[in-house]
Amino acid sequence: MAPRELIDLHIHVGGAVAPHILWSIAHSQGFKLPVKNYFEFVELITSRPDKVGSLEEYLKIMHTWTEKIQSSPTAIERSVYEVIGKEYRSSNVTQIELRFNPMKRNLHSELDLDHIIHAALRGMDRAVLEYGVRACLIFCLAREFDHKTNAIILEKAIKYRSRGVLGIDLAGTERDALELKAEVVPAYEDLFARARAAGLKTTVHTGETAGTGAEGVIAVVEKLKPHRIGHGIRAAYDEAAMKLLKERDVVLELCPTSNLHTRAVEGIKEFEHIVRTFWDRGVKVTINTDGPYLLETDMSREVQLIESNNILSATQVDQSLAWAREYSFIAKN
């Protein structure tokens, strides 16, 4: 029997490139690494539950090493190409939405942003041609960036919409309760309104960090009006948040292994409780990788984790995959 055709809606280029590819890119560009041995390098850029204790520590690996190594047109082109091919070969991922922040690949404006973007698109186009998959790019705005910088990223997304940049994301940690509420979220309202007006789809990282509650999810849905939400797991503890998600038909991009590694959940039992709660309340969920190589996973293993722990049945997993295709930013055939 042919394997399931899988779809990944939430995968960061910064966490998805194989260590041996990053090793090769780093050396070809003369990048100065803090280690000389390949296996030490693998340890440097890989997350494990006993190594990473929070979302901040997980993101530090990407921001310090993997994103920096990918910071050139040649590097980002190869990175995008390799991610799409690997996900197809390993897990039969036939539709993929890759996200990254192009501003974090231009070495603090030393490199031209358009060259970075064109290179990423070339890598995507080549992989799509070779593997016959469907793919798009999502540009990540950053919570740590100022409004002007994020506006530049948005304008680039709009500029390249016809080339395959189909959406924007808002990524980064929600540091405290104040940041989750009305004091901060409206700062992005005009950007998301402009994105929607230009025909872009939108998604937002929120409700990912343990201890933050559902305030961020509610504020994001009401103010930014995203089509989907990255993670959103804290909403499972708030009936009003789940009701809002269902009423607005906002789909969650769940990333099981990522949430376990970053201690967003205490363990597999809490993740099971969260997923089943969403399912019972009619909140639509999808299964995704977040960062396959950084987390030592892939889509096949994410699905296996869900099924082997009886979090969802095979039929329910198929339904989540159907939702992923339905709510993908890539237009249906």
Protein backbone atom coordinates (compact mmCIF):
# COMPACT_ATOMS: atom_id res chain seq x y z
CA MET A 1 0.00 0.00 0.00
CA ALA A 2 1.29 3.45 -0.90
CA PRO A 3 2.30 5.60 2.09
CA ARG A 4 0.14 8.50 3.15
CA GLU A 5 0.72 11.71 1.30
CA LEU A 6 1.67 14.09 4.11
CA ILE A 7 1.55 17.89 4.31
CA ASP A 8 3.58 20.16 6.57
CA LEU A 9 2.20 23.65 7.20
CA HIS A 10 4.63 24.69 9.93
CA ILE A 11 8.32 24.10 9.19
CA HIS A 12 11.13 26.61 9.70
CA VAL A 13 14.05 26.57 7.29
CA GLY A 14 16.29 27.41 10.25
CA GLY A 15 15.50 24.10 11.92
CA ALA A 16 15.04 21.86 8.92
CA VAL A 17 18.40 21.59 7.13
CA ALA A 18 20.43 18.43 7.70
CA PRO A 19 23.61 18.86 9.77
CA HIS A 20 25.84 17.53 7.00
CA ILE A 21 24.39 20.13 4.62
CA LEU A 22 24.95 22.94 7.12
CA TRP A 23 28.46 21.61 7.76
CA SER A 24 29.17 21.72 4.03
CA ILE A 25 27.69 25.21 3.61
CA ALA A 26 29.65 26.55 6.58
CA HIS A 27 32.95 25.24 5.22
CA SER A 28 32.28 26.33 1.65
CA GLN A 29 31.70 29.89 2.90
CA GLY A 30 34.67 29.89 5.25
CA PHE A 31 32.39 30.22 8.25
CA LYS A 32 34.28 30.15 11.55
CA LEU A 33 32.77 27.43 13.74
CA PRO A 34 33.41 26.93 17.46
CA VAL A 35 34.03 23.21 16.89
CA LYS A 36 36.31 21.32 14.49
CA ASN A 37 34.70 17.88 14.65
CA TYR A 38 31.54 17.10 12.65
CA PHE A 39 29.86 15.17 15.46
CA GLU A 40 30.46 18.02 17.86
CA PHE A 41 28.82 20.27 15.27
CA VAL A 42 25.76 18.00 15.15
CA GLU A 43 25.49 18.29 18.92
CA LEU A 44 25.83 22.07 18.68
CA ILE A 45 22.84 22.49 16.34
CA THR A 46 20.51 19.78 17.67
CA SER A 47 17.81 20.07 20.33
CA ARG A 48 17.00 17.34 22.84
CA PRO A 49 14.66 17.40 25.86
CA ASP A 50 17.60 16.92 28.24
CA LYS A 51 19.52 19.73 26.53
CA VAL A 52 16.86 22.38 25.91
CA GLY A 53 14.75 23.59 28.82
CA SER A 54 12.65 26.29 27.22
CA LEU A 55 11.51 27.87 23.97
CA GLU A 56 14.17 30.57 24.41
CA GLU A 57 16.96 27.97 24.57
CA TYR A 58 15.54 26.20 21.52
CA LEU A 59 15.40 29.42 19.50
CA LYS A 60 18.92 30.33 20.59
CA ILE A 61 20.27 27.37 18.61
CA MET A 62 18.60 28.66 15.45
CA HIS A 63 19.48 32.31 15.94
CA THR A 64 23.10 31.64 16.92
CA TRP A 65 24.05 28.99 14.40
CA THR A 66 21.67 27.59 11.79
CA GLU A 67 20.22 30.91 10.59
CA LYS A 68 23.66 32.47 10.48
CA ILE A 69 25.10 29.62 8.40
CA GLN A 70 22.18 30.03 5.98
CA SER A 71 22.91 33.75 5.57
CA SER A 72 23.87 34.13 1.92
CA PRO A 73 22.04 33.69 -1.38
CA THR A 74 23.93 30.47 -2.11
CA ALA A 75 23.26 29.10 1.38
CA ILE A 76 19.54 29.87 1.48
CA GLU A 77 19.00 28.50 -2.03
CA ARG A 78 20.62 25.20 -1.14
CA SER A 79 18.86 25.10 2.23
CA VAL A 80 15.36 25.50 0.77
CA TYR A 81 16.09 22.98 -1.97
CA GLU A 82 17.46 20.39 0.47
CA VAL A 83 14.58 20.74 2.96
CA ILE A 84 11.86 20.12 0.38
CA GLY A 85 13.65 17.16 -1.14
CA LYS A 86 14.45 15.57 2.20
CA GLU A 87 10.90 15.88 3.52
CA TYR A 88 9.55 14.27 0.35
CA ARG A 89 12.08 11.41 0.40
CA SER A 90 11.77 10.68 4.12
CA SER A 91 8.04 11.16 4.71
CA ASN A 92 6.28 11.52 1.35
CA VAL A 93 5.52 15.16 2.14
CA THR A 94 3.88 16.23 -1.12
CA GLN A 95 2.85 19.71 0.03
CA ILE A 96 4.97 21.97 2.19
CA GLU A 97 4.90 25.56 3.42
CA LEU A 98 8.40 26.68 4.36
CA ARG A 99 8.79 29.71 6.58
CA PHE A 100 11.79 31.88 7.36
CA ASN A 101 12.75 35.47 8.08
CA PRO A 102 14.72 36.84 5.10
CA MET A 103 15.97 39.74 7.22
CA LYS A 104 17.78 37.21 9.43
CA ARG A 105 19.63 35.90 6.37
CA ASN A 106 21.15 39.17 5.12
CA LEU A 107 23.76 39.67 7.86
CA HIS A 108 22.24 42.80 9.35
CA SER A 109 21.74 44.46 5.93
CA GLU A 110 25.21 43.61 4.62
CA LEU A 111 23.53 41.52 1.92
CA ASP A 112 20.74 42.58 -0.43
CA LEU A 113 17.36 41.31 0.73
CA ASP A 114 16.04 40.73 -2.77
CA HIS A 115 19.00 38.50 -3.59
CA ILE A 116 18.23 36.38 -0.51
CA ILE A 117 14.58 36.07 -1.53
CA HIS A 118 15.30 35.27 -5.17
CA ALA A 119 17.74 32.58 -4.05
CA ALA A 120 15.14 30.99 -1.76
CA LEU A 121 12.63 30.99 -4.61
CA ARG A 122 15.17 29.36 -6.93
CA GLY A 123 15.76 26.62 -4.39
CA MET A 124 12.02 26.06 -4.04
CA ASP A 125 11.42 26.07 -7.80
CA ARG A 126 14.16 23.52 -8.39
CA ALA A 127 12.87 21.17 -5.69
CA VAL A 128 9.28 21.45 -6.95
CA LEU A 129 10.45 20.63 -10.47
CA GLU A 130 12.52 17.63 -9.39
CA TYR A 131 10.13 16.07 -6.88
CA GLY A 132 6.73 17.13 -8.19
CA VAL A 133 5.65 18.50 -4.82
CA ARG A 134 3.67 21.66 -4.14
CA ALA A 135 5.37 24.33 -2.05
CA CYS A 136 5.29 27.96 -0.98
CA LEU A 137 7.20 30.32 1.27
CA ILE A 138 5.94 32.20 4.33
CA PHE A 139 7.92 35.21 5.56
CA CYS A 140 8.24 35.56 9.33
CA LEU A 141 7.92 38.95 10.95
CA ALA A 142 9.76 39.07 14.26
CA ARG A 143 8.50 40.22 17.64
CA GLU A 144 11.98 41.52 18.44
CA PHE A 145 12.05 43.71 15.29
CA ASP A 146 10.68 47.25 15.19
CA HIS A 147 7.63 48.15 13.13
CA LYS A 148 9.68 49.62 10.27
CA THR A 149 11.75 46.45 9.83
CA ASN A 150 8.71 44.20 9.91
CA ALA A 151 7.01 46.49 7.37
CA ILE A 152 9.92 45.94 4.98
CA ILE A 153 9.52 42.17 5.28
CA LEU A 154 5.80 42.52 4.60
CA GLU A 155 6.43 44.64 1.50
CA LYS A 156 8.82 41.99 0.19
CA ALA A 157 6.18 39.30 0.77
CA ILE A 158 3.66 41.36 -1.19
CA LYS A 159 6.21 41.98 -3.95
CA TYR A 160 6.91 38.27 -4.39
CA ARG A 161 3.40 36.94 -3.89
CA SER A 162 3.10 35.97 -7.56
CA ARG A 163 6.37 34.02 -7.25
CA GLY A 164 5.27 31.83 -4.37
CA VAL A 165 5.50 33.86 -1.16
CA LEU A 166 1.94 33.24 -0.05
CA GLY A 167 1.81 34.33 3.57
CA ILE A 168 3.33 36.06 6.57
CA ASP A 169 3.89 34.84 10.10
CA LEU A 170 4.66 36.55 13.39
CA ALA A 171 7.33 34.62 15.28
CA GLY A 172 9.31 34.98 18.48
CA THR A 173 8.64 34.45 22.14
CA GLU A 174 5.78 36.02 24.08
CA ARG A 175 7.78 37.07 27.08
CA ASP A 176 5.13 37.94 29.63
CA ALA A 177 1.43 38.42 30.21
CA LEU A 178 1.51 42.11 29.24
CA GLU A 179 2.94 41.24 25.84
CA LEU A 180 0.04 38.91 25.18
CA LYS A 181 -2.65 41.51 25.72
CA ALA A 182 -3.84 44.65 23.99
CA GLU A 183 -0.74 46.68 24.82
CA VAL A 184 1.41 44.92 22.21
CA VAL A 185 -0.68 42.99 19.70
CA PRO A 186 -2.21 46.11 18.04
CA ALA A 187 1.29 47.13 16.94
CA TYR A 188 0.94 44.51 14.21
CA GLU A 189 -2.69 45.20 13.27
CA ASP A 190 -1.92 47.46 10.32
CA LEU A 191 0.68 45.03 8.97
CA PHE A 192 -1.72 42.11 9.02
CA ALA A 193 -4.51 44.21 7.52
CA ARG A 194 -2.18 45.23 4.68
CA ALA A 195 -1.17 41.61 4.16
CA ARG A 196 -4.78 40.44 3.85
CA ALA A 197 -5.64 43.34 1.53
CA ALA A 198 -2.75 42.31 -0.74
CA GLY A 199 -4.02 38.73 -0.92
CA LEU A 200 -1.54 37.17 1.50
CA LYS A 201 -2.56 34.58 4.06
CA THR A 202 -1.56 35.00 7.70
CA THR A 203 -0.49 32.90 10.65
CA VAL A 204 0.87 33.81 14.10
CA HIS A 205 2.95 32.03 16.73
CA THR A 206 1.04 32.33 19.99
CA GLY A 207 -0.02 30.24 22.96
CA GLU A 208 3.17 28.21 22.69
CA THR A 209 4.89 28.95 25.98
CA ALA A 210 3.98 27.21 29.21
CA GLY A 211 2.58 29.53 31.85
CA THR A 212 1.34 32.25 29.49
CA GLY A 213 -2.31 31.24 29.44
CA ALA A 214 -4.68 31.85 26.53
CA GLU A 215 -4.56 35.68 26.55
CA GLY A 216 -2.25 35.78 23.57
CA VAL A 217 -4.41 33.48 21.49
CA ILE A 218 -7.53 35.57 22.16
CA ALA A 219 -5.76 38.88 21.47
CA VAL A 220 -4.22 37.57 18.26
CA VAL A 221 -7.49 36.18 16.90
CA GLU A 222 -9.44 39.34 17.73
CA LYS A 223 -6.84 41.91 16.62
CA LEU A 224 -4.76 40.26 13.88
CA LYS A 225 -7.45 37.98 12.43
CA PRO A 226 -5.07 35.24 11.24
CA HIS A 227 -6.13 32.34 9.04
CA ARG A 228 -4.14 29.94 11.21
CA ILE A 229 -2.21 29.91 14.48
CA GLY A 230 1.17 28.32 15.11
CA HIS A 231 0.91 26.08 18.18
CA GLY A 232 -1.82 27.78 20.24
CA ILE A 233 -1.80 24.96 22.77
CA ARG A 234 -2.54 27.14 25.81
CA ALA A 235 -6.01 27.76 24.40
CA ALA A 236 -6.92 24.21 25.43
CA TYR A 237 -7.19 25.50 29.02
CA ASP A 238 -9.63 28.30 28.20
CA GLU A 239 -13.18 27.66 27.00
CA ALA A 240 -13.59 31.20 25.66
CA ALA A 241 -10.43 30.87 23.57
CA MET A 242 -11.56 27.57 22.09
CA LYS A 243 -15.01 28.95 21.34
CA LEU A 244 -13.41 31.90 19.55
CA LEU A 245 -11.13 29.64 17.50
CA LYS A 246 -14.08 27.52 16.43
CA GLU A 247 -16.33 30.49 15.62
CA ARG A 248 -13.62 32.24 13.57
CA ASP A 249 -12.61 28.94 11.93
CA VAL A 250 -8.95 29.46 12.85
CA VAL A 251 -6.88 26.30 12.40
CA LEU A 252 -4.05 25.32 14.76
CA GLU A 253 -0.64 24.20 13.50
CA LEU A 254 0.36 21.72 16.21
CA CYS A 255 4.00 20.63 16.49
CA PRO A 256 4.17 17.68 18.94
CA THR A 257 7.91 17.02 19.25
CA SER A 258 8.69 20.73 19.37
CA ASN A 259 6.31 21.27 22.30
CA LEU A 260 7.87 18.35 24.15
CA HIS A 261 11.42 19.60 23.59
CA THR A 262 10.75 23.19 24.63
CA ARG A 263 8.79 22.12 27.73
CA ALA A 264 5.69 23.85 26.43
CA VAL A 265 3.98 20.75 27.81
CA GLU A 266 5.05 18.64 30.77
CA GLY A 267 4.97 15.44 28.76
CA ILE A 268 3.09 13.32 26.28
CA LYS A 269 0.07 12.97 28.58
CA GLU A 270 -0.45 16.72 28.74
CA PHE A 271 -0.08 16.96 24.97
CA GLU A 272 -2.68 14.18 24.62
CA HIS A 273 -5.05 16.11 26.90
CA ILE A 274 -4.57 19.27 24.83
CA VAL A 275 -5.20 17.60 21.47
CA ARG A 276 -8.24 15.69 22.67
CA THR A 277 -9.67 18.82 24.27
CA PHE A 278 -9.36 20.71 20.99
CA TRP A 279 -10.95 17.81 19.12
CA ASP A 280 -13.86 17.58 21.54
CA ARG A 281 -14.50 21.35 21.28
CA GLY A 282 -14.46 21.33 17.49
CA VAL A 283 -11.17 23.23 17.11
CA LYS A 284 -9.42 22.12 13.92
CA VAL A 285 -5.84 20.91 14.34
CA THR A 286 -3.02 19.93 11.99
CA ILE A 287 0.21 18.00 12.63
CA ASN A 288 3.55 19.57 11.71
CA THR A 289 7.30 19.27 12.32
CA ASP A 290 8.45 22.84 13.20
CA GLY A 291 12.15 21.97 12.76
CA PRO A 292 12.84 18.39 11.62
CA TYR A 293 16.62 18.25 11.96
CA LEU A 294 16.88 20.56 14.94
CA LEU A 295 14.36 18.27 16.68
CA GLU A 296 15.53 15.01 15.07
CA THR A 297 12.11 14.25 13.62
CA ASP A 298 10.13 14.29 10.37
CA MET A 299 6.46 14.18 9.41
CA SER A 300 6.31 10.38 9.50
CA ARG A 301 7.60 10.36 13.05
CA GLU A 302 5.21 13.12 14.10
CA VAL A 303 2.27 11.10 12.81
CA GLN A 304 3.65 7.96 14.45
CA LEU A 305 4.00 9.80 17.77
CA ILE A 306 0.34 10.84 17.60
CA GLU A 307 -0.95 7.40 16.64
CA SER A 308 1.32 5.23 18.82
CA ASN A 309 0.36 7.20 21.92
CA ASN A 310 -3.35 6.95 21.04
CA ILE A 311 -3.66 10.72 20.94
CA LEU A 312 -5.66 10.50 17.73
CA SER A 313 -6.88 7.51 15.75
CA ALA A 314 -5.73 6.83 12.20
CA THR A 315 -9.04 8.18 10.96
CA GLN A 316 -8.62 11.36 12.99
CA VAL A 317 -5.06 11.80 11.69
CA ASP A 318 -6.42 11.51 8.16
CA GLN A 319 -8.95 14.21 9.03
CA SER A 320 -6.19 16.49 10.33
CA LEU A 321 -4.28 15.96 7.07
CA ALA A 322 -7.44 16.82 5.14
CA TRP A 323 -7.78 20.03 7.17
CA ALA A 324 -4.14 20.84 6.45
CA ARG A 325 -4.80 20.63 2.72
CA GLU A 326 -8.05 22.56 3.02
CA TYR A 327 -6.47 25.41 5.00
CA SER A 328 -3.14 25.42 3.22
CA PHE A 329 -2.07 28.76 1.79
CA ILE A 330 -1.39 26.96 -1.49
CA ALA A 331 -4.44 27.08 -3.76
CA LYS A 332 -6.10 23.78 -4.49
CA ASN A 333 -5.59 22.20 -7.90
